[in-house]
Amino acid sequence: MARLYADEQYPLPIVELLRALGHDVLTVQEAGKANQRIPDADILTFATSEERAVITENRKDFFRLHRIQPDHAGIIACTNDRDWEALANRIHNAITAEDFLKGKLIRVVRPV
């Protein structure tokens, strides 16, 4: 399963559901980096150093970072969806469909 790093605003219920699906998810809070206004580029650098893909709802900024810093451990950019179980399952399916996450930008969007 995937090693993930959830950014500071990522919903904890989704983190817990992803863990239940077998993913190793570390949150910014658990890493001792909460409430420090750490730039997104540094979040990505830290995640990469830990060989973790970033999971975020901050799509615009991480799309930009993917273009300028493509050598990362992966970015999973999600749309906001309050059906947390459905979102966790879409993330799980998107991740497991890939052989590896390194350097990839995976978009997980709410169904229409």
C-alpha atoms as a PDB file:
ATOM      1  CA  MET A   1       0.000   0.000   0.000  1.00  0.00           C
ATOM      2  CA  ALA A   2       0.988   3.625  -0.349  1.00  0.00           C
ATOM      3  CA  ARG A   3       2.980   5.857   1.985  1.00  0.00           C
ATOM      4  CA  LEU A   4       1.162   9.193   2.172  1.00  0.00           C
ATOM      5  CA  TYR A   5       1.661  12.583   3.809  1.00  0.00           C
ATOM      6  CA  ALA A   6      -1.582  14.462   4.485  1.00  0.00           C
ATOM      7  CA  ASP A   7      -1.236  18.235   4.393  1.00  0.00           C
ATOM      8  CA  GLU A   8      -2.437  20.316   7.313  1.00  0.00           C
ATOM      9  CA  GLN A   9      -5.998  20.922   6.141  1.00  0.00           C
ATOM     10  CA  TYR A  10      -6.666  17.372   4.976  1.00  0.00           C
ATOM     11  CA  PRO A  11      -9.721  15.891   6.728  1.00  0.00           C
ATOM     12  CA  LEU A  12      -8.740  13.450   9.483  1.00  0.00           C
ATOM     13  CA  PRO A  13     -11.741  11.138   8.860  1.00  0.00           C
ATOM     14  CA  ILE A  14     -10.379  10.453   5.356  1.00  0.00           C
ATOM     15  CA  VAL A  15      -6.908   9.810   6.787  1.00  0.00           C
ATOM     16  CA  GLU A  16      -8.423   7.260   9.173  1.00  0.00           C
ATOM     17  CA  LEU A  17     -10.390   5.581   6.368  1.00  0.00           C
ATOM     18  CA  LEU A  18      -7.245   5.354   4.214  1.00  0.00           C
ATOM     19  CA  ARG A  19      -5.406   3.769   7.119  1.00  0.00           C
ATOM     20  CA  ALA A  20      -8.221   1.235   7.476  1.00  0.00           C
ATOM     21  CA  LEU A  21      -7.701   0.417   3.782  1.00  0.00           C
ATOM     22  CA  GLY A  22      -4.057  -0.376   4.553  1.00  0.00           C
ATOM     23  CA  HIS A  23      -2.260   2.857   3.634  1.00  0.00           C
ATOM     24  CA  ASP A  24       0.525   4.324   5.775  1.00  0.00           C
ATOM     25  CA  VAL A  25      -0.624   7.921   6.279  1.00  0.00           C
ATOM     26  CA  LEU A  26       1.372  10.499   8.232  1.00  0.00           C
ATOM     27  CA  THR A  27      -0.279  13.858   8.922  1.00  0.00           C
ATOM     28  CA  VAL A  28       1.444  17.216   9.205  1.00  0.00           C
ATOM     29  CA  GLN A  29       0.254  17.311  12.805  1.00  0.00           C
ATOM     30  CA  GLU A  30       1.789  13.919  13.627  1.00  0.00           C
ATOM     31  CA  ALA A  31       5.069  15.030  12.038  1.00  0.00           C
ATOM     32  CA  GLY A  32       5.178  17.980  14.483  1.00  0.00           C
ATOM     33  CA  LYS A  33       4.821  20.553  11.723  1.00  0.00           C
ATOM     34  CA  ALA A  34       1.321  21.945  12.419  1.00  0.00           C
ATOM     35  CA  ASN A  35       0.545  25.661  12.738  1.00  0.00           C
ATOM     36  CA  GLN A  36       3.936  26.698  11.349  1.00  0.00           C
ATOM     37  CA  ARG A  37       2.766  28.132   8.015  1.00  0.00           C
ATOM     38  CA  ILE A  38       5.150  25.843   6.163  1.00  0.00           C
ATOM     39  CA  PRO A  39       5.185  26.635   2.426  1.00  0.00           C
ATOM     40  CA  ASP A  40       3.694  24.008   0.136  1.00  0.00           C
ATOM     41  CA  ALA A  41       7.065  23.533  -1.569  1.00  0.00           C
ATOM     42  CA  ASP A  42       8.559  22.554   1.797  1.00  0.00           C
ATOM     43  CA  ILE A  43       5.656  20.175   2.457  1.00  0.00           C
ATOM     44  CA  LEU A  44       6.427  18.483  -0.858  1.00  0.00           C
ATOM     45  CA  THR A  45      10.157  18.384  -0.124  1.00  0.00           C
ATOM     46  CA  PHE A  46       9.586  16.819   3.294  1.00  0.00           C
ATOM     47  CA  ALA A  47       7.167  14.240   1.875  1.00  0.00           C
ATOM     48  CA  THR A  48       9.656  13.356  -0.849  1.00  0.00           C
ATOM     49  CA  SER A  49      12.469  12.959   1.692  1.00  0.00           C
ATOM     50  CA  GLU A  50      10.217  10.550   3.604  1.00  0.00           C
ATOM     51  CA  GLU A  51       9.247   8.753   0.359  1.00  0.00           C
ATOM     52  CA  ARG A  52       5.602   9.722   0.853  1.00  0.00           C
ATOM     53  CA  ALA A  53       3.135  11.071  -1.678  1.00  0.00           C
ATOM     54  CA  VAL A  54       1.377  14.263  -0.602  1.00  0.00           C
ATOM     55  CA  ILE A  55      -2.394  14.034  -0.317  1.00  0.00           C
ATOM     56  CA  THR A  56      -4.114  17.402  -0.500  1.00  0.00           C
ATOM     57  CA  GLU A  57      -7.195  19.400  -1.434  1.00  0.00           C
ATOM     58  CA  ASN A  58      -4.915  22.328  -2.313  1.00  0.00           C
ATOM     59  CA  ARG A  59      -5.041  21.483  -5.982  1.00  0.00           C
ATOM     60  CA  LYS A  60      -3.933  24.743  -7.598  1.00  0.00           C
ATOM     61  CA  ASP A  61      -0.704  25.110  -5.618  1.00  0.00           C
ATOM     62  CA  PHE A  62       0.303  21.461  -5.915  1.00  0.00           C
ATOM     63  CA  PHE A  63      -0.466  21.381  -9.657  1.00  0.00           C
ATOM     64  CA  ARG A  64       2.011  24.271  -9.981  1.00  0.00           C
ATOM     65  CA  LEU A  65       4.564  22.522  -7.789  1.00  0.00           C
ATOM     66  CA  HIS A  66       4.276  19.370  -9.881  1.00  0.00           C
ATOM     67  CA  ARG A  67       5.200  21.384 -12.975  1.00  0.00           C
ATOM     68  CA  ILE A  68       8.227  23.101 -11.408  1.00  0.00           C
ATOM     69  CA  GLN A  69       9.375  20.302  -9.076  1.00  0.00           C
ATOM     70  CA  PRO A  70       8.456  17.058 -10.878  1.00  0.00           C
ATOM     71  CA  ASP A  71      10.932  14.837  -9.003  1.00  0.00           C
ATOM     72  CA  HIS A  72       8.716  14.066  -6.004  1.00  0.00           C
ATOM     73  CA  ALA A  73       7.253  10.960  -4.391  1.00  0.00           C
ATOM     74  CA  GLY A  74       3.789  11.681  -5.780  1.00  0.00           C
ATOM     75  CA  ILE A  75       0.913  14.103  -5.363  1.00  0.00           C
ATOM     76  CA  ILE A  76      -2.702  13.049  -4.898  1.00  0.00           C
ATOM     77  CA  ALA A  77      -4.871  16.126  -5.411  1.00  0.00           C
ATOM     78  CA  CYS A  78      -8.502  15.702  -4.399  1.00  0.00           C
ATOM     79  CA  THR A  79     -11.647  17.746  -4.774  1.00  0.00           C
ATOM     80  CA  ASN A  80     -13.585  18.430  -1.589  1.00  0.00           C
ATOM     81  CA  ASP A  81     -16.226  15.777  -0.943  1.00  0.00           C
ATOM     82  CA  ARG A  82     -18.044  15.365   2.370  1.00  0.00           C
ATOM     83  CA  ASP A  83     -18.890  11.766   1.506  1.00  0.00           C
ATOM     84  CA  TRP A  84     -15.638  10.780   3.136  1.00  0.00           C
ATOM     85  CA  GLU A  85     -16.003   7.051   2.687  1.00  0.00           C
ATOM     86  CA  ALA A  86     -16.647   7.422  -1.045  1.00  0.00           C
ATOM     87  CA  LEU A  87     -13.677   9.792  -1.373  1.00  0.00           C
ATOM     88  CA  ALA A  88     -11.382   7.432   0.543  1.00  0.00           C
ATOM     89  CA  ASN A  89     -12.422   4.601  -1.774  1.00  0.00           C
ATOM     90  CA  ARG A  90     -11.777   6.739  -4.890  1.00  0.00           C
ATOM     91  CA  ILE A  91      -8.329   7.648  -3.538  1.00  0.00           C
ATOM     92  CA  HIS A  92      -7.595   4.001  -2.714  1.00  0.00           C
ATOM     93  CA  ASN A  93      -8.665   2.892  -6.197  1.00  0.00           C
ATOM     94  CA  ALA A  94      -6.602   5.621  -7.892  1.00  0.00           C
ATOM     95  CA  ILE A  95      -3.505   4.736  -5.873  1.00  0.00           C
ATOM     96  CA  THR A  96      -3.768   0.979  -6.310  1.00  0.00           C
ATOM     97  CA  ALA A  97      -4.264   1.381 -10.070  1.00  0.00           C
ATOM     98  CA  GLU A  98      -0.700   2.752 -10.291  1.00  0.00           C
ATOM     99  CA  ASP A  99       2.462   0.656 -10.231  1.00  0.00           C
ATOM    100  CA  PHE A 100       4.280   3.481  -8.453  1.00  0.00           C
ATOM    101  CA  LEU A 101       3.518   7.082  -7.394  1.00  0.00           C
ATOM    102  CA  LYS A 102       6.957   8.681  -7.810  1.00  0.00           C
ATOM    103  CA  GLY A 103       6.715  11.783 -10.007  1.00  0.00           C
ATOM    104  CA  LYS A 104       2.998  11.344 -10.644  1.00  0.00           C
ATOM    105  CA  LEU A 105       0.168  13.803 -10.163  1.00  0.00           C
ATOM    106  CA  ILE A 106      -3.032  11.889  -9.506  1.00  0.00           C
ATOM    107  CA  ARG A 107      -6.320  13.770  -9.621  1.00  0.00           C
ATOM    108  CA  VAL A 108      -9.194  12.384  -7.578  1.00  0.00           C
ATOM    109  CA  VAL A 109     -12.390  14.254  -8.326  1.00  0.00           C
ATOM    110  CA  ARG A 110     -15.893  14.172  -6.950  1.00  0.00           C
ATOM    111  CA  PRO A 111     -18.285  12.494  -9.386  1.00  0.00           C
ATOM    112  CA  VAL A 112     -20.684  14.714 -11.244  1.00  0.00           C
END
